[in-house]
Amino acid sequence: MTGREKLKKALNHQDGPIPVDFGSSAVTGIHASVVAELREYYGLEKKPVKIHEPFQMLGFVDADLREAIGIDVEGVFAPGTFFGFRNENWKEWRTPWGQDVLVPGGFEVIKDGEDTLIYPEGDREAPPSGRMPSNGYFFDAIIRQEPIVEENLDPKDNLEEFGPISEDDLKYYSDLKRSIDQSSSGFIANFGNTGLGDIACVPAPFMKYPKGIRDVTEWYISTVSRRDYIHTVFAEQMDIAIKNLAKIHGILGDSIDVIFTCGTDFGTQSSTFCSIDTFNDLYFPYYKQLNEWIHENTSWKIFKHSCGSVVSFMQRFIDAGFDIMNPVQLSAAGMDASMLKNKYGDKVVFWGGCVDTQKTLPFGTPEEVKKEVLTRCEIFSQKGGFVLNSIHNVQAKTPVKNFAAMIEAVKEFNGDK
């Protein structure tokens, strides 16, 4: 059975082998350091890992490693990176932890003491928009909020990054279509610009001089104190997004299976970022507008990412039209695997949740990892509706033997099918 066939069964809530995803998106990826270790573990050619997502330092998972792991899903990434330059014209760079990697040509950094600063759009004349601490493994966004003058606030300033898709970007997707159609993998795409208030995007690390409300704290305050402003931003953003998706769908059609639309987090480790009433007023109408258009005009299944304890939001996510939930953070309050599957398993696909990435995967033994993965597979795979992935990205310093134990577990489980 091909990867796409496995994924289709899972998406349609049909029994079958569990499809595996590692590396297809910015929330289901593998840190570049672990990608290199996996290549060595599986006896593959030693070569620099390409960094396709420099914000989190995620590495491309090449075809030989996908085959060795048994990955069934590939990603269609937007042409631009989180720092505003395109994934092209690759060049070598040595990371602070001593790994030689390949980064896009627009990747421009400078040392600030022992820290590393990165420039938006590769422009050294602009203020840096990201910082990697000396002992860190990824970048943090730098807040570049100008002092807010209330009477001068204009929602258009928070819409600068949204606009009609360019002809260059349309050509990029057109050029990808042939290789997508020739692959036996399932495909998830992230075309960008559909996330509502995704807090990673609010500081706009991809822009040289962002205007509007760009401080994380100020943005959260604004969802209460400047709600009309946020409504205006979301409404215009969705109108632009739907027009762009119509053009992209005209090129890719049914070549992709899943669309990643939004990574806005609504949960914390123990609670939620907002009330159900706030969600219903501020987010739900725009999610529903976007998702209804996608369902009415495409065959794509819709992927929603939200970390944390989101059990109280699950039914509203489903009502809004989301087909897939990720990362299924089972270590958060109330996120019990059996309860989630029993209550929502016929309505939504769980993509992730196979192992605790806060404790078991990074700090457990291979035996503990395998046991946990087998338990989660048993729960989530019933009547399909499960795609195996860790809970968010596989982080740096994750023991490679623990990753391998996770893969051995799902292979063992699928062998019983």
Foldseek 3Di string as FASTA:
>chain_A
DALQVQVVQQLQLAFAAFAADEPADQWFYAAQQLLQVLCVVLVHDRDAFEQQAQQQNGTHNDPVNCVSLVHFEHYDEQQAYLLAEGQDPWDWDADLVGGIHIYRPLFDWDDDPLKIFTHASSDPVFDTQWIADSPGRGTDGDAPADDDDPVPADLVLVCVVFDADDPVRLVVLLVCQVVLQVGRGAYEYENDLQAQPALSPLSPSNDRHRYHRRDSVVVLVCLPVVVVSSQVNLVVSLVRVLVNVVSNCVRNAQSHAAYERYARAQADQEGGSDDPVSCVPRPLVSLLVNLVSCVVPGNHAYEYEYDHDCPVCVVSCLVSRHAEYPDQQCSGPPSPLLVCCVPCVNRHAYEHDQAHLVDCQQPNDLVSLLVSNLVSCVRNSNSRRYHYGHHTYNHPNRDSSNVSSNSVNSVVVSVVD
